[in-house]
Amino acid sequence: MVGLLVSSPVFASLAKSHNPFRLIGVGLSVFTLATAGCGAAPTFWFIAICRMLVGVGEASFISLAGPFIDDNAPISQRTAWLATFYMCIPTGIAVGYVYGGLVGEHLNWRYAFWGEALLMLPFAVFGFVVKPLQLKGFSCVESKNESTPVETVSAVTDGPNASIAKGPVLVGGDGISADELNKTFKSVVVDNILNRLSQFWKDMKVLLVDKVYIVNVLGYVAYTFVLGAYSYWGPKAGYNIYHMKSADMLFGGITVVCGILGTIAGGFILDRMGSTINHAFILLSGATFLGGIACFSAFCLRSLYGFLVLFVVGELLLFAAQAPVNFICLHCVKPSLRPLSMAMSTVAIHVFGDVPSSPLFGVVQDHINNWRKTSLMLTSIFFLSAGFWFIGVFLPSFDKCNDESESQVSPNPLANKPLPGGNGDKGSGEV
């Protein structure tokens, strides 16, 4: 989780200076190596670090895969394609349980990680060998033959004779010493980092003043808050309230099946309604409100079978929100902000949603000591989520996905910065 939360904004920011498709390849490579490392882990801390790096690999998908899907899907099926992508999450969980159990039982738990790494390896290679796709709102990455100031200085300072360079070195027609070159290189690197941080803060301010984005994320945080606590405490609540046998398997099975069917259904329904931000808010508020009623009513019943029927209906309705909520994150901002929009949405729902919800539920349960009441209190937060999304229905909004008013993002913001002693009108490759 730490690796995911820290790296998601980083990948989103790097997309402005590096090809986003290649960044996904980098993320998949980190994921593959970290997974293999988990299998070879000699100690607990080693596997903990590798699991953190797995989150780094996942972060590239979180921030960049959604925009790619949105760009390449048919307009009439965009949300359905997004739904198919997010449906892979509950599907992966289900397959992971089966795969991990079978491999762990017949071989060894280490082979489960190594097998996963081997399965991921072709996808990591694919991210580097195929012609990279371009994201809308981002200009093509410059040719490798076109040197930048960083590359020029690096070529001189990092070359085989750099350590013995003495006297003046010609750069831009003027002579400067190797020490000055090193200082210039450090200056350019520092300027580059400061420029990235400045641009990141500017982009963040754009997101923070976007009412549609903020309302959507607030609803998503409340929604994820409940689902996160459900995933951890649901089986225990089911066992204590209804004396379920195999409560873990039952709750897990319901979540996986409803997650797959509900997510797909939500995408197709929004496409049928017409993929607009307003329609997405209508679907989000309606499905979440009705799903909250069904789950709230389920915990009120004393019959196990009545609980299961209503809980399944509620889960189906609730998971229908997955595609529409991410559709809004992609379409309420300009194309170049989509990776950061997805990244910060992910950070918010984890930091304020499913991460704190489980311990808070435990504290309330310890205080009340009544599983039914605690579960009902938790479930009622769905109505808060529906309320946020209902507010979004009335906000003025328009789809910025095709907004061409912004200039294409330059992959190298410092490309025109001359070196000290050089001439600004000369090519940066003149050494």
Protein backbone atom coordinates (compact mmCIF):
# COMPACT_ATOMS: atom_id res chain seq x y z
CA MET A 1 0.00 0.00 0.00
CA VAL A 2 2.87 2.41 0.82
CA GLY A 3 4.50 1.80 -2.54
CA LEU A 4 1.20 2.28 -4.35
CA LEU A 5 0.28 5.54 -2.62
CA VAL A 6 3.72 7.13 -2.97
CA SER A 7 4.35 6.03 -6.55
CA SER A 8 0.97 6.79 -8.15
CA PRO A 9 1.52 10.59 -8.25
CA VAL A 10 5.13 10.03 -9.32
CA PHE A 11 4.12 8.02 -12.39
CA ALA A 12 1.44 10.60 -13.18
CA SER A 13 4.04 13.39 -13.10
CA LEU A 14 6.63 11.43 -15.09
CA ALA A 15 4.05 10.94 -17.87
CA LYS A 16 4.68 14.58 -18.83
CA SER A 17 8.31 13.96 -19.69
CA HIS A 18 8.38 10.25 -20.56
CA ASN A 19 6.19 8.13 -22.79
CA PRO A 20 3.34 6.84 -20.59
CA PHE A 21 3.27 3.48 -22.36
CA ARG A 22 6.94 2.93 -21.55
CA LEU A 23 6.24 3.92 -17.93
CA ILE A 24 3.71 1.09 -17.72
CA GLY A 25 6.48 -1.20 -18.98
CA VAL A 26 8.75 0.08 -16.22
CA GLY A 27 6.02 -0.47 -13.65
CA LEU A 28 5.39 -4.01 -14.85
CA SER A 29 9.12 -4.75 -14.72
CA VAL A 30 9.32 -3.54 -11.11
CA PHE A 31 6.21 -5.59 -10.29
CA THR A 32 7.73 -8.72 -11.89
CA LEU A 33 11.10 -8.41 -10.17
CA ALA A 34 9.52 -7.59 -6.81
CA THR A 35 7.18 -10.58 -7.05
CA ALA A 36 10.10 -12.88 -7.83
CA GLY A 37 11.91 -11.33 -4.87
CA CYS A 38 8.99 -12.24 -2.60
CA GLY A 39 9.48 -15.87 -3.56
CA ALA A 40 13.18 -15.72 -2.74
CA ALA A 41 12.76 -13.69 0.46
CA PRO A 42 15.01 -14.96 3.27
CA THR A 43 13.48 -12.74 5.97
CA PHE A 44 10.23 -11.00 6.83
CA TRP A 45 11.62 -7.51 6.15
CA PHE A 46 12.90 -8.58 2.75
CA ILE A 47 9.46 -9.76 1.69
CA ALA A 48 7.89 -6.61 3.19
CA ILE A 49 10.14 -4.41 1.04
CA CYS A 50 9.38 -6.52 -2.03
CA ARG A 51 5.65 -6.22 -1.39
CA MET A 52 6.09 -2.44 -1.20
CA LEU A 53 7.81 -2.53 -4.59
CA VAL A 54 4.91 -4.58 -5.96
CA GLY A 55 2.78 -1.57 -5.07
CA VAL A 56 5.17 0.63 -7.07
CA GLY A 57 4.55 -1.54 -10.12
CA GLU A 58 0.81 -1.44 -9.58
CA ALA A 59 0.92 2.36 -9.38
CA SER A 60 1.83 2.67 -13.05
CA PHE A 61 -1.41 0.91 -13.98
CA ILE A 62 -3.51 2.89 -11.52
CA SER A 63 -2.59 6.25 -13.02
CA LEU A 64 -1.95 5.41 -16.69
CA ALA A 65 -4.04 2.41 -17.80
CA GLY A 66 -7.40 4.20 -17.44
CA PRO A 67 -6.45 7.09 -19.78
CA PHE A 68 -5.11 4.63 -22.39
CA ILE A 69 -8.34 2.63 -22.32
CA ASP A 70 -10.40 5.80 -22.52
CA ASP A 71 -8.44 7.02 -25.56
CA ASN A 72 -8.65 3.77 -27.53
CA ALA A 73 -12.13 2.44 -26.69
CA PRO A 74 -15.04 3.06 -29.10
CA ILE A 75 -16.96 6.13 -27.93
CA SER A 76 -20.17 4.13 -27.50
CA GLN A 77 -18.40 1.52 -25.33
CA ARG A 78 -15.89 3.56 -23.34
CA THR A 79 -17.43 2.90 -19.94
CA ALA A 80 -17.91 -0.79 -20.72
CA TRP A 81 -14.20 -1.04 -21.51
CA LEU A 82 -13.35 0.72 -18.26
CA ALA A 83 -15.71 -1.64 -16.44
CA THR A 84 -13.94 -4.64 -17.97
CA PHE A 85 -10.62 -3.30 -16.70
CA TYR A 86 -11.87 -2.70 -13.15
CA MET A 87 -13.69 -6.02 -13.19
CA CYS A 88 -10.25 -7.63 -13.29
CA ILE A 89 -9.70 -6.59 -9.66
CA PRO A 90 -12.31 -8.92 -8.09
CA THR A 91 -11.50 -11.52 -10.75
CA GLY A 92 -7.82 -11.40 -9.81
CA ILE A 93 -8.69 -11.74 -6.14
CA ALA A 94 -10.77 -14.84 -6.85
CA VAL A 95 -8.14 -16.44 -9.07
CA GLY A 96 -5.44 -15.52 -6.56
CA TYR A 97 -7.19 -17.36 -3.74
CA VAL A 98 -7.51 -20.51 -5.86
CA TYR A 99 -4.05 -20.27 -7.41
CA GLY A 100 -2.29 -19.53 -4.12
CA GLY A 101 -4.12 -22.31 -2.34
CA LEU A 102 -3.37 -24.95 -4.97
CA VAL A 103 0.28 -24.04 -5.41
CA GLY A 104 0.86 -23.68 -1.66
CA GLU A 105 -0.76 -27.04 -0.97
CA HIS A 106 0.99 -29.07 -3.67
CA LEU A 107 4.34 -27.29 -3.97
CA ASN A 108 5.49 -24.43 -1.75
CA TRP A 109 4.34 -20.86 -1.13
CA ARG A 110 7.48 -19.55 -2.83
CA TYR A 111 6.46 -21.14 -6.12
CA ALA A 112 3.25 -19.11 -6.07
CA PHE A 113 5.28 -15.90 -6.31
CA TRP A 114 7.71 -17.28 -8.89
CA GLY A 115 4.85 -18.54 -11.05
CA GLU A 116 3.19 -15.13 -10.92
CA ALA A 117 6.47 -13.44 -11.90
CA LEU A 118 6.84 -15.75 -14.91
CA LEU A 119 3.27 -15.01 -15.98
CA MET A 120 3.92 -11.27 -15.79
CA LEU A 121 7.28 -11.31 -17.57
CA PRO A 122 5.90 -11.33 -21.17
CA PHE A 123 3.73 -8.30 -20.38
CA ALA A 124 6.71 -6.41 -18.96
CA VAL A 125 8.74 -7.17 -22.11
CA PHE A 126 5.76 -6.19 -24.28
CA GLY A 127 5.78 -2.73 -22.71
CA PHE A 128 9.26 -2.09 -24.14
CA VAL A 129 9.35 -3.88 -27.50
CA VAL A 130 6.14 -2.65 -29.15
CA LYS A 131 5.69 0.79 -30.68
CA PRO A 132 4.45 2.92 -27.77
CA LEU A 133 0.98 4.42 -27.85
CA GLN A 134 0.57 8.12 -27.24
CA LEU A 135 -1.84 9.63 -24.72
CA LYS A 136 -4.12 12.48 -25.71
CA GLY A 137 -2.80 15.75 -24.27
CA PHE A 138 0.85 14.67 -24.37
CA SER A 139 3.27 15.46 -27.19
CA CYS A 140 5.49 12.77 -28.63
CA VAL A 141 8.73 12.13 -26.80
CA GLU A 142 11.66 13.73 -28.55
CA SER A 143 13.93 11.73 -30.74
CA LYS A 144 16.91 10.17 -29.07
CA ASN A 145 19.12 11.97 -31.57
CA GLU A 146 17.98 15.36 -30.28
CA SER A 147 20.16 16.13 -27.31
CA THR A 148 18.91 18.09 -24.35
CA PRO A 149 21.01 20.18 -21.96
CA VAL A 150 20.96 17.38 -19.40
CA GLU A 151 22.04 14.82 -21.99
CA THR A 152 24.75 17.14 -23.36
CA VAL A 153 26.29 17.89 -19.99
CA SER A 154 25.94 14.25 -18.95
CA ALA A 155 27.70 13.11 -22.11
CA VAL A 156 30.69 15.27 -21.27
CA THR A 157 30.80 14.72 -17.51
CA ASP A 158 30.03 11.00 -17.61
CA GLY A 159 32.22 10.08 -20.58
CA PRO A 160 35.27 7.81 -20.29
CA ASN A 161 37.60 10.82 -20.10
CA ALA A 162 35.46 12.88 -17.75
CA SER A 163 37.52 12.06 -14.67
CA ILE A 164 40.72 13.33 -16.31
CA ALA A 165 39.21 16.31 -18.11
CA LYS A 166 41.36 19.38 -17.51
CA GLY A 167 41.39 22.85 -18.98
CA PRO A 168 38.67 24.36 -21.13
CA VAL A 169 36.05 22.23 -22.83
CA LEU A 170 34.23 23.73 -25.81
CA VAL A 171 30.48 24.00 -25.25
CA GLY A 172 28.45 26.29 -27.51
CA GLY A 173 31.62 27.81 -28.91
CA ASP A 174 33.02 28.99 -25.56
CA GLY A 175 35.53 27.36 -23.29
CA ILE A 176 34.51 26.28 -19.80
CA SER A 177 36.27 24.08 -17.31
CA ALA A 178 35.25 20.58 -16.27
CA ASP A 179 34.34 21.93 -12.81
CA GLU A 180 31.98 24.42 -14.40
CA LEU A 181 30.49 21.62 -16.45
CA ASN A 182 29.83 19.62 -13.29
CA LYS A 183 28.25 22.64 -11.63
CA THR A 184 26.13 23.22 -14.72
CA PHE A 185 24.98 19.62 -14.75
CA LYS A 186 23.99 19.81 -11.08
CA SER A 187 22.22 23.11 -11.70
CA VAL A 188 20.22 21.70 -14.59
CA VAL A 189 19.24 18.62 -12.58
CA VAL A 190 18.12 20.75 -9.63
CA ASP A 191 16.20 23.07 -11.95
CA ASN A 192 14.56 20.05 -13.55
CA ILE A 193 13.43 18.68 -10.18
CA LEU A 194 12.15 22.08 -9.03
CA ASN A 195 10.32 22.52 -12.32
CA ARG A 196 8.60 19.16 -11.90
CA LEU A 197 7.59 19.98 -8.34
CA SER A 198 6.29 23.38 -9.41
CA GLN A 199 4.27 21.84 -12.24
CA PHE A 200 2.92 19.15 -9.91
CA TRP A 201 1.71 21.79 -7.47
CA LYS A 202 0.09 23.80 -10.27
CA ASP A 203 -1.73 20.68 -11.48
CA MET A 204 -2.81 19.87 -7.93
CA LYS A 205 -4.30 23.34 -7.53
CA VAL A 206 -6.32 22.79 -10.71
CA LEU A 207 -7.73 19.55 -9.27
CA LEU A 208 -8.43 21.04 -5.85
CA VAL A 209 -10.58 23.86 -7.28
CA ASP A 210 -12.53 21.56 -9.62
CA LYS A 211 -15.88 21.12 -7.83
CA VAL A 212 -16.92 18.14 -9.97
CA TYR A 213 -13.68 16.30 -9.21
CA ILE A 214 -13.79 17.06 -5.47
CA VAL A 215 -17.43 16.00 -5.07
CA ASN A 216 -16.76 12.82 -7.02
CA VAL A 217 -13.72 11.91 -4.90
CA LEU A 218 -15.55 12.69 -1.63
CA GLY A 219 -18.29 10.28 -2.61
CA TYR A 220 -15.68 7.71 -3.63
CA VAL A 221 -13.89 8.04 -0.26
CA ALA A 222 -17.11 7.41 1.70
CA TYR A 223 -18.00 4.50 -0.59
CA THR A 224 -14.55 2.90 -0.21
CA PHE A 225 -14.62 3.49 3.55
CA VAL A 226 -17.55 1.07 3.88
CA LEU A 227 -16.30 -1.51 1.38
CA GLY A 228 -12.89 -1.60 3.07
CA ALA A 229 -14.43 -2.37 6.46
CA TYR A 230 -16.77 -4.92 4.85
CA SER A 231 -13.83 -6.81 3.37
CA TYR A 232 -12.12 -7.17 6.75
CA TRP A 233 -14.96 -7.31 9.28
CA GLY A 234 -17.79 -8.68 7.12
CA PRO A 235 -17.07 -12.38 7.79
CA LYS A 236 -16.71 -11.77 11.54
CA ALA A 237 -19.96 -9.80 11.61
CA GLY A 238 -21.71 -12.56 9.65
CA TYR A 239 -20.46 -15.21 12.05
CA ASN A 240 -21.46 -13.29 15.18
CA ILE A 241 -24.86 -12.11 13.92
CA TYR A 242 -26.01 -15.09 11.84
CA HIS A 243 -23.67 -17.85 13.08
CA MET A 244 -22.52 -18.51 9.52
CA LYS A 245 -20.44 -21.53 8.78
CA SER A 246 -17.46 -20.74 6.53
CA ALA A 247 -18.26 -17.02 6.75
CA ASP A 248 -14.94 -16.12 5.07
CA MET A 249 -15.71 -18.21 1.99
CA LEU A 250 -19.30 -17.01 1.84
CA PHE A 251 -18.52 -13.30 2.09
CA GLY A 252 -15.54 -13.68 -0.22
CA GLY A 253 -17.61 -15.52 -2.82
CA ILE A 254 -20.40 -12.91 -2.70
CA THR A 255 -17.91 -10.07 -3.05
CA VAL A 256 -16.10 -11.64 -6.00
CA VAL A 257 -19.23 -12.64 -7.97
CA CYS A 258 -21.06 -9.39 -7.28
CA GLY A 259 -17.89 -7.41 -7.99
CA ILE A 260 -17.54 -8.96 -11.44
CA LEU A 261 -21.21 -8.79 -12.46
CA GLY A 262 -21.94 -5.42 -10.84
CA THR A 263 -18.88 -3.69 -12.30
CA ILE A 264 -19.62 -4.92 -15.84
CA ALA A 265 -23.30 -4.00 -15.50
CA GLY A 266 -22.46 -0.47 -14.33
CA GLY A 267 -20.31 0.15 -17.39
CA PHE A 268 -22.89 -1.13 -19.86
CA ILE A 269 -25.73 0.79 -18.19
CA LEU A 270 -23.85 4.09 -18.38
CA ASP A 271 -23.08 3.49 -22.06
CA ARG A 272 -26.79 2.86 -22.64
CA MET A 273 -27.73 6.03 -20.77
CA GLY A 274 -25.12 8.02 -22.67
CA SER A 275 -21.62 8.46 -21.28
CA THR A 276 -21.79 11.93 -19.77
CA ILE A 277 -20.66 13.23 -16.40
CA ASN A 278 -24.22 14.12 -15.44
CA HIS A 279 -25.52 10.64 -16.28
CA ALA A 280 -22.61 9.11 -14.37
CA PHE A 281 -23.54 11.08 -11.24
CA ILE A 282 -27.19 10.00 -11.63
CA LEU A 283 -26.15 6.34 -11.89
CA LEU A 284 -23.70 6.66 -8.98
CA SER A 285 -26.16 8.31 -6.60
CA GLY A 286 -29.05 6.03 -7.53
CA ALA A 287 -27.14 2.73 -7.44
CA THR A 288 -25.35 3.61 -4.20
CA PHE A 289 -28.55 4.78 -2.47
CA LEU A 290 -30.49 1.66 -3.47
CA GLY A 291 -27.52 -0.60 -2.68
CA GLY A 292 -27.18 1.06 0.72
CA ILE A 293 -30.88 0.45 1.44
CA ALA A 294 -30.55 -3.21 0.47
CA CYS A 295 -27.46 -3.79 2.65
CA PHE A 296 -28.92 -1.81 5.57
CA SER A 297 -32.14 -3.86 5.37
CA ALA A 298 -30.10 -7.07 5.16
CA PHE A 299 -28.41 -6.39 8.51
CA CYS A 300 -31.82 -5.60 10.04
CA LEU A 301 -33.17 -9.09 9.22
CA ARG A 302 -32.78 -12.02 11.59
CA SER A 303 -33.07 -14.65 8.88
CA LEU A 304 -29.78 -15.76 7.35
CA TYR A 305 -31.35 -16.45 3.96
CA GLY A 306 -33.12 -13.11 3.90
CA PHE A 307 -29.83 -11.42 4.77
CA LEU A 308 -27.99 -13.20 1.95
CA VAL A 309 -30.59 -12.27 -0.69
CA LEU A 310 -30.66 -8.59 0.21
CA PHE A 311 -26.90 -8.39 0.71
CA VAL A 312 -26.27 -9.87 -2.76
CA VAL A 313 -28.69 -7.35 -4.32
CA GLY A 314 -26.97 -4.53 -2.42
CA GLU A 315 -23.49 -5.61 -3.47
CA LEU A 316 -24.53 -5.86 -7.13
CA LEU A 317 -25.88 -2.31 -7.04
CA LEU A 318 -22.91 -0.95 -5.15
CA PHE A 319 -20.28 -2.41 -7.48
CA ALA A 320 -22.06 -0.79 -10.42
CA ALA A 321 -20.35 2.43 -9.26
CA GLN A 322 -16.83 1.31 -10.19
CA ALA A 323 -16.82 2.31 -13.86
CA PRO A 324 -18.89 5.55 -13.59
CA VAL A 325 -16.80 6.99 -10.74
CA ASN A 326 -13.59 6.49 -12.71
CA PHE A 327 -15.24 7.78 -15.88
CA ILE A 328 -15.85 11.09 -14.08
CA CYS A 329 -12.23 11.24 -12.87
CA LEU A 330 -11.09 10.89 -16.49
CA HIS A 331 -13.55 13.28 -18.12
CA CYS A 332 -13.87 16.17 -15.67
CA VAL A 333 -10.25 17.25 -16.26
CA LYS A 334 -8.17 18.15 -19.31
CA PRO A 335 -6.42 15.23 -21.06
CA SER A 336 -2.98 16.03 -19.65
CA LEU A 337 -4.34 15.92 -16.08
CA ARG A 338 -5.99 12.51 -16.35
CA PRO A 339 -3.05 10.47 -14.95
CA LEU A 340 -2.78 12.77 -11.93
CA SER A 341 -6.56 12.75 -11.51
CA MET A 342 -6.58 8.95 -11.33
CA ALA A 343 -3.51 8.86 -9.07
CA MET A 344 -4.81 11.35 -6.51
CA SER A 345 -8.22 9.69 -6.49
CA THR A 346 -6.51 6.42 -5.60
CA VAL A 347 -4.45 8.09 -2.87
CA ALA A 348 -7.55 9.72 -1.38
CA ILE A 349 -9.74 6.60 -1.25
CA HIS A 350 -7.00 4.62 0.49
CA VAL A 351 -5.68 7.27 2.89
CA PHE A 352 -9.16 8.42 3.96
CA GLY A 353 -11.18 5.35 2.99
CA ASP A 354 -10.35 1.67 3.35
CA VAL A 355 -7.11 2.11 5.36
CA PRO A 356 -8.64 3.84 8.43
CA SER A 357 -12.10 2.24 8.18
CA SER A 358 -11.16 -1.20 9.50
CA PRO A 359 -9.46 -0.04 12.73
CA LEU A 360 -12.21 2.55 13.33
CA PHE A 361 -14.86 -0.14 12.96
CA GLY A 362 -12.98 -2.24 15.52
CA VAL A 363 -12.85 0.68 17.98
CA VAL A 364 -16.60 1.30 17.63
CA GLN A 365 -17.39 -2.39 17.98
CA ASP A 366 -15.28 -2.63 21.15
CA HIS A 367 -17.19 0.32 22.58
CA ILE A 368 -20.71 -0.76 21.55
CA ASN A 369 -20.16 -4.53 21.68
CA ASN A 370 -23.04 -5.14 19.26
CA TRP A 371 -22.14 -6.43 15.80
CA ARG A 372 -25.53 -5.65 14.28
CA LYS A 373 -25.57 -2.01 15.42
CA THR A 374 -21.95 -1.44 14.39
CA SER A 375 -22.63 -2.93 10.96
CA LEU A 376 -25.72 -0.75 10.52
CA MET A 377 -23.75 2.35 11.50
CA LEU A 378 -21.08 1.47 8.96
CA THR A 379 -23.59 0.74 6.19
CA SER A 380 -25.34 4.07 6.70
CA ILE A 381 -22.21 5.80 5.35
CA PHE A 382 -23.30 4.62 1.90
CA PHE A 383 -26.05 7.25 2.11
CA LEU A 384 -23.40 9.92 2.67
CA SER A 385 -21.62 8.71 -0.45
CA ALA A 386 -24.87 8.77 -2.43
CA GLY A 387 -25.49 12.30 -1.12
CA PHE A 388 -22.14 13.58 -2.42
CA TRP A 389 -22.79 12.06 -5.83
CA PHE A 390 -26.34 13.43 -5.86
CA ILE A 391 -24.87 16.93 -5.39
CA GLY A 392 -22.76 16.25 -8.48
CA VAL A 393 -25.92 15.87 -10.57
CA PHE A 394 -26.62 19.59 -10.12
CA LEU A 395 -23.09 20.88 -10.63
CA PRO A 396 -22.35 22.52 -13.98
CA SER A 397 -20.10 20.10 -15.81
CA PHE A 398 -18.83 19.42 -19.28
CA ASP A 399 -16.63 16.74 -20.74
CA LYS A 400 -13.06 18.06 -21.01
CA CYS A 401 -11.74 14.90 -22.64
CA ASN A 402 -11.64 16.61 -26.05
CA ASP A 403 -10.51 19.99 -24.73
CA GLU A 404 -7.92 21.18 -27.23
CA SER A 405 -7.49 24.61 -25.62
CA GLU A 406 -4.45 23.44 -23.67
CA SER A 407 -1.12 23.19 -25.37
CA GLN A 408 0.47 19.79 -25.69
CA VAL A 409 2.64 18.94 -22.71
CA SER A 410 6.31 19.26 -23.52
CA PRO A 411 8.31 16.16 -22.58
CA ASN A 412 11.31 18.32 -21.68
CA PRO A 413 10.45 21.64 -20.02
CA LEU A 414 14.10 22.68 -19.85
CA ALA A 415 14.93 21.91 -23.48
CA ASN A 416 15.48 25.57 -24.33
CA LYS A 417 17.60 26.42 -21.28
CA PRO A 418 21.13 27.33 -22.51
CA LEU A 419 24.28 26.25 -20.77
CA PRO A 420 26.45 28.86 -19.05
CA GLY A 421 28.81 30.36 -21.55
CA GLY A 422 26.79 28.99 -24.46
CA ASN A 423 24.66 30.76 -27.01
CA GLY A 424 20.95 30.38 -26.62
CA ASP A 425 20.33 30.23 -30.38
CA LYS A 426 22.70 27.36 -30.98
CA GLY A 427 21.79 23.71 -30.90
CA SER A 428 22.17 22.00 -27.57
CA GLY A 429 24.10 19.21 -29.21
CA GLU A 430 26.93 21.55 -30.17
CA VAL A 431 29.82 20.24 -28.12
